[in-house]
Amino acid sequence: MIGFIIAGLIIGALARLIKPGKQNLGLLATLLLGLAGSVIGGVIANLLGTGDIFELNILGFVVAVIASVLLIGVAESMSGRRNRSVRR
């Protein structure tokens, strides 16, 4: 379980490095989005038959990073909409 949390943090950090621009996300949001990306990557790798959901493999890792980048983009757009509506 601790390894899963560390992997989620690493995946979230890599996704933030890959995503261009400044993200207004804290450490907890990075961890949660990285964990979500890890689960998505594990599920997709499992569906493709390359390993178990919680098993670390190359395909699952790559898909997890891509999923985390997409999740960070969604989180940014959601927080951007909320901040714009508050300013009005």
N, C-alpha and C. Protein backbone atom coordinates (compact mmCIF):
# COMPACT_ATOMS: atom_id res chain seq x y z
N MET A 1 0.83 -1.20 0.00
CA MET A 1 0.00 0.00 0.00
C MET A 1 0.86 1.26 0.00
N ILE A 2 1.94 1.23 0.78
CA ILE A 2 2.84 2.39 0.80
C ILE A 2 3.51 2.57 -0.55
N GLY A 3 3.86 1.46 -1.19
CA GLY A 3 4.44 1.53 -2.53
C GLY A 3 3.48 2.12 -3.53
N PHE A 4 2.21 1.80 -3.39
CA PHE A 4 1.17 2.34 -4.27
C PHE A 4 1.06 3.85 -4.09
N ILE A 5 1.13 4.33 -2.85
CA ILE A 5 1.07 5.77 -2.57
C ILE A 5 2.30 6.47 -3.13
N ILE A 6 3.47 5.88 -2.95
CA ILE A 6 4.71 6.48 -3.48
C ILE A 6 4.67 6.52 -5.00
N ALA A 7 4.20 5.42 -5.61
CA ALA A 7 4.09 5.39 -7.08
C ALA A 7 3.11 6.45 -7.56
N GLY A 8 2.00 6.64 -6.84
CA GLY A 8 1.02 7.67 -7.21
C GLY A 8 1.61 9.06 -7.13
N LEU A 9 2.42 9.30 -6.10
CA LEU A 9 3.07 10.61 -5.96
C LEU A 9 4.07 10.85 -7.09
N ILE A 10 4.83 9.83 -7.44
CA ILE A 10 5.80 9.95 -8.53
C ILE A 10 5.08 10.16 -9.86
N ILE A 11 4.03 9.41 -10.10
CA ILE A 11 3.27 9.55 -11.34
C ILE A 11 2.62 10.93 -11.42
N GLY A 12 2.06 11.40 -10.32
CA GLY A 12 1.47 12.74 -10.29
C GLY A 12 2.50 13.83 -10.54
N ALA A 13 3.70 13.67 -9.94
CA ALA A 13 4.76 14.66 -10.15
C ALA A 13 5.23 14.66 -11.60
N LEU A 14 5.38 13.48 -12.19
CA LEU A 14 5.77 13.40 -13.61
C LEU A 14 4.70 14.03 -14.50
N ALA A 15 3.45 13.79 -14.17
CA ALA A 15 2.37 14.37 -14.97
C ALA A 15 2.39 15.89 -14.89
N ARG A 16 2.70 16.43 -13.70
CA ARG A 16 2.78 17.89 -13.57
C ARG A 16 3.97 18.46 -14.34
N LEU A 17 5.06 17.69 -14.42
CA LEU A 17 6.21 18.14 -15.21
C LEU A 17 5.90 18.12 -16.70
N ILE A 18 5.15 17.13 -17.14
CA ILE A 18 4.82 16.99 -18.57
C ILE A 18 3.80 18.04 -18.99
N LYS A 19 2.81 18.31 -18.14
CA LYS A 19 1.74 19.27 -18.46
C LYS A 19 2.32 20.67 -18.52
N PRO A 20 2.17 21.36 -19.63
CA PRO A 20 2.73 22.72 -19.73
C PRO A 20 1.94 23.71 -18.89
N GLY A 21 2.59 24.77 -18.51
CA GLY A 21 1.94 25.83 -17.74
C GLY A 21 2.05 25.59 -16.25
N LYS A 22 1.56 26.57 -15.51
CA LYS A 22 1.59 26.49 -14.04
C LYS A 22 0.30 25.87 -13.54
N GLN A 23 0.43 24.86 -12.70
CA GLN A 23 -0.74 24.23 -12.11
C GLN A 23 -0.89 24.73 -10.68
N ASN A 24 -2.07 25.08 -10.31
CA ASN A 24 -2.35 25.52 -8.94
C ASN A 24 -2.88 24.33 -8.13
N LEU A 25 -2.06 23.30 -8.03
CA LEU A 25 -2.44 22.10 -7.31
C LEU A 25 -1.45 21.87 -6.17
N GLY A 26 -1.96 21.47 -5.05
CA GLY A 26 -1.11 21.18 -3.91
C GLY A 26 -0.58 19.75 -3.96
N LEU A 27 0.17 19.40 -2.92
CA LEU A 27 0.75 18.07 -2.85
C LEU A 27 -0.33 17.00 -2.74
N LEU A 28 -1.36 17.25 -1.97
CA LEU A 28 -2.44 16.27 -1.81
C LEU A 28 -3.19 16.05 -3.12
N ALA A 29 -3.46 17.13 -3.85
CA ALA A 29 -4.15 16.99 -5.15
C ALA A 29 -3.26 16.23 -6.14
N THR A 30 -1.96 16.51 -6.12
CA THR A 30 -1.03 15.79 -6.99
C THR A 30 -1.03 14.31 -6.65
N LEU A 31 -1.01 13.99 -5.35
CA LEU A 31 -1.02 12.60 -4.92
C LEU A 31 -2.32 11.90 -5.35
N LEU A 32 -3.45 12.54 -5.12
CA LEU A 32 -4.73 11.92 -5.47
C LEU A 32 -4.88 11.72 -6.97
N LEU A 33 -4.46 12.70 -7.76
CA LEU A 33 -4.55 12.55 -9.21
C LEU A 33 -3.57 11.50 -9.71
N GLY A 34 -2.40 11.42 -9.09
CA GLY A 34 -1.44 10.37 -9.43
C GLY A 34 -1.96 8.99 -9.08
N LEU A 35 -2.61 8.87 -7.92
CA LEU A 35 -3.21 7.58 -7.54
C LEU A 35 -4.33 7.19 -8.49
N ALA A 36 -5.16 8.15 -8.86
CA ALA A 36 -6.23 7.87 -9.82
C ALA A 36 -5.65 7.44 -11.16
N GLY A 37 -4.61 8.13 -11.60
CA GLY A 37 -3.93 7.76 -12.85
C GLY A 37 -3.32 6.38 -12.77
N SER A 38 -2.77 6.02 -11.60
CA SER A 38 -2.19 4.69 -11.42
C SER A 38 -3.24 3.60 -11.52
N VAL A 39 -4.40 3.85 -10.92
CA VAL A 39 -5.47 2.86 -10.99
C VAL A 39 -5.94 2.71 -12.44
N ILE A 40 -6.11 3.84 -13.13
CA ILE A 40 -6.53 3.78 -14.53
C ILE A 40 -5.49 3.03 -15.37
N GLY A 41 -4.20 3.35 -15.16
CA GLY A 41 -3.14 2.65 -15.90
C GLY A 41 -3.11 1.17 -15.59
N GLY A 42 -3.31 0.81 -14.31
CA GLY A 42 -3.33 -0.60 -13.94
C GLY A 42 -4.50 -1.35 -14.55
N VAL A 43 -5.66 -0.70 -14.57
CA VAL A 43 -6.84 -1.33 -15.16
C VAL A 43 -6.65 -1.54 -16.65
N ILE A 44 -6.13 -0.54 -17.33
CA ILE A 44 -5.92 -0.67 -18.79
C ILE A 44 -4.86 -1.74 -19.08
N ALA A 45 -3.78 -1.77 -18.28
CA ALA A 45 -2.75 -2.80 -18.47
C ALA A 45 -3.33 -4.18 -18.20
N ASN A 46 -4.20 -4.28 -17.20
CA ASN A 46 -4.84 -5.56 -16.90
C ASN A 46 -5.76 -5.99 -18.04
N LEU A 47 -6.51 -5.05 -18.60
CA LEU A 47 -7.39 -5.38 -19.72
C LEU A 47 -6.60 -5.83 -20.95
N LEU A 48 -5.40 -5.28 -21.11
CA LEU A 48 -4.56 -5.67 -22.25
C LEU A 48 -3.78 -6.95 -21.97
N GLY A 49 -3.87 -7.44 -20.73
CA GLY A 49 -3.22 -8.70 -20.39
C GLY A 49 -1.74 -8.60 -20.07
N THR A 50 -1.25 -7.42 -19.72
CA THR A 50 0.18 -7.27 -19.44
C THR A 50 0.51 -7.37 -17.96
N GLY A 51 -0.48 -7.45 -17.11
CA GLY A 51 -0.20 -7.57 -15.68
C GLY A 51 -1.43 -7.31 -14.84
N ASP A 52 -1.24 -7.39 -13.53
CA ASP A 52 -2.30 -7.16 -12.57
C ASP A 52 -2.49 -5.66 -12.38
N ILE A 53 -3.60 -5.26 -11.77
CA ILE A 53 -3.90 -3.84 -11.56
C ILE A 53 -2.83 -3.18 -10.70
N PHE A 54 -2.39 -3.85 -9.64
CA PHE A 54 -1.43 -3.26 -8.71
C PHE A 54 0.01 -3.67 -9.01
N GLU A 55 0.24 -4.26 -10.15
CA GLU A 55 1.58 -4.67 -10.54
C GLU A 55 2.22 -3.56 -11.36
N LEU A 56 3.46 -3.23 -11.04
CA LEU A 56 4.15 -2.16 -11.76
C LEU A 56 4.78 -2.73 -13.03
N ASN A 57 4.36 -2.23 -14.18
CA ASN A 57 4.96 -2.60 -15.46
C ASN A 57 5.03 -1.37 -16.34
N ILE A 58 5.76 -1.48 -17.41
CA ILE A 58 6.04 -0.31 -18.26
C ILE A 58 4.76 0.24 -18.89
N LEU A 59 3.95 -0.61 -19.47
CA LEU A 59 2.74 -0.14 -20.13
C LEU A 59 1.79 0.53 -19.14
N GLY A 60 1.61 -0.09 -17.99
CA GLY A 60 0.74 0.49 -16.96
C GLY A 60 1.27 1.82 -16.47
N PHE A 61 2.59 1.95 -16.34
CA PHE A 61 3.20 3.19 -15.90
C PHE A 61 2.99 4.30 -16.91
N VAL A 62 3.20 4.01 -18.19
CA VAL A 62 3.03 5.01 -19.25
C VAL A 62 1.58 5.46 -19.33
N VAL A 63 0.66 4.50 -19.28
CA VAL A 63 -0.76 4.85 -19.33
C VAL A 63 -1.15 5.64 -18.09
N ALA A 64 -0.58 5.30 -16.93
CA ALA A 64 -0.88 6.02 -15.69
C ALA A 64 -0.43 7.48 -15.78
N VAL A 65 0.74 7.72 -16.35
CA VAL A 65 1.22 9.10 -16.50
C VAL A 65 0.33 9.87 -17.47
N ILE A 66 -0.04 9.25 -18.58
CA ILE A 66 -0.92 9.92 -19.55
C ILE A 66 -2.28 10.22 -18.91
N ALA A 67 -2.83 9.26 -18.18
CA ALA A 67 -4.11 9.48 -17.51
C ALA A 67 -4.00 10.59 -16.48
N SER A 68 -2.88 10.66 -15.77
CA SER A 68 -2.69 11.71 -14.76
C SER A 68 -2.59 13.08 -15.41
N VAL A 69 -1.92 13.16 -16.56
CA VAL A 69 -1.83 14.44 -17.27
C VAL A 69 -3.24 14.90 -17.67
N LEU A 70 -4.04 13.98 -18.16
CA LEU A 70 -5.41 14.33 -18.53
C LEU A 70 -6.23 14.73 -17.31
N LEU A 71 -6.06 14.02 -16.20
CA LEU A 71 -6.78 14.35 -14.98
C LEU A 71 -6.38 15.71 -14.43
N ILE A 72 -5.10 16.05 -14.55
CA ILE A 72 -4.64 17.38 -14.10
C ILE A 72 -5.28 18.46 -14.96
N GLY A 73 -5.38 18.22 -16.26
CA GLY A 73 -6.04 19.18 -17.15
C GLY A 73 -7.50 19.38 -16.77
N VAL A 74 -8.18 18.28 -16.45
CA VAL A 74 -9.58 18.38 -16.04
C VAL A 74 -9.69 19.13 -14.71
N ALA A 75 -8.80 18.82 -13.77
CA ALA A 75 -8.83 19.50 -12.47
C ALA A 75 -8.56 20.99 -12.62
N GLU A 76 -7.64 21.35 -13.49
CA GLU A 76 -7.35 22.77 -13.74
C GLU A 76 -8.56 23.48 -14.33
N SER A 77 -9.21 22.84 -15.30
CA SER A 77 -10.36 23.49 -15.93
C SER A 77 -11.52 23.62 -14.94
N MET A 78 -11.69 22.64 -14.08
CA MET A 78 -12.75 22.72 -13.07
C MET A 78 -12.47 23.83 -12.06
N SER A 79 -11.22 23.96 -11.62
CA SER A 79 -10.90 25.01 -10.66
C SER A 79 -10.90 26.38 -11.34
N GLY A 80 -10.56 26.44 -12.62
CA GLY A 80 -10.60 27.70 -13.34
C GLY A 80 -12.01 28.22 -13.49
N ARG A 81 -12.95 27.34 -13.76
CA ARG A 81 -14.36 27.74 -13.87
C ARG A 81 -14.88 28.23 -12.53
N ARG A 82 -14.50 27.55 -11.47
CA ARG A 82 -14.98 27.93 -10.15
C ARG A 82 -14.42 29.29 -9.75
N ASN A 83 -13.15 29.53 -10.04
CA ASN A 83 -12.53 30.82 -9.70
C ASN A 83 -13.13 31.97 -10.52
N ARG A 84 -13.45 31.72 -11.79
CA ARG A 84 -14.04 32.77 -12.62
C ARG A 84 -15.43 33.13 -12.16
N SER A 85 -16.20 32.15 -11.72
CA SER A 85 -17.57 32.44 -11.28
C SER A 85 -17.57 33.17 -9.95
N VAL A 86 -16.56 33.01 -9.13
CA VAL A 86 -16.49 33.70 -7.84
C VAL A 86 -16.14 35.17 -8.05
N ARG A 87 -15.33 35.48 -9.03
CA ARG A 87 -14.88 36.85 -9.28
C ARG A 87 -15.98 37.75 -9.81
N ARG A 88 -16.97 37.18 -10.46
CA ARG A 88 -18.01 38.00 -11.07
C ARG A 88 -18.88 38.65 -10.10
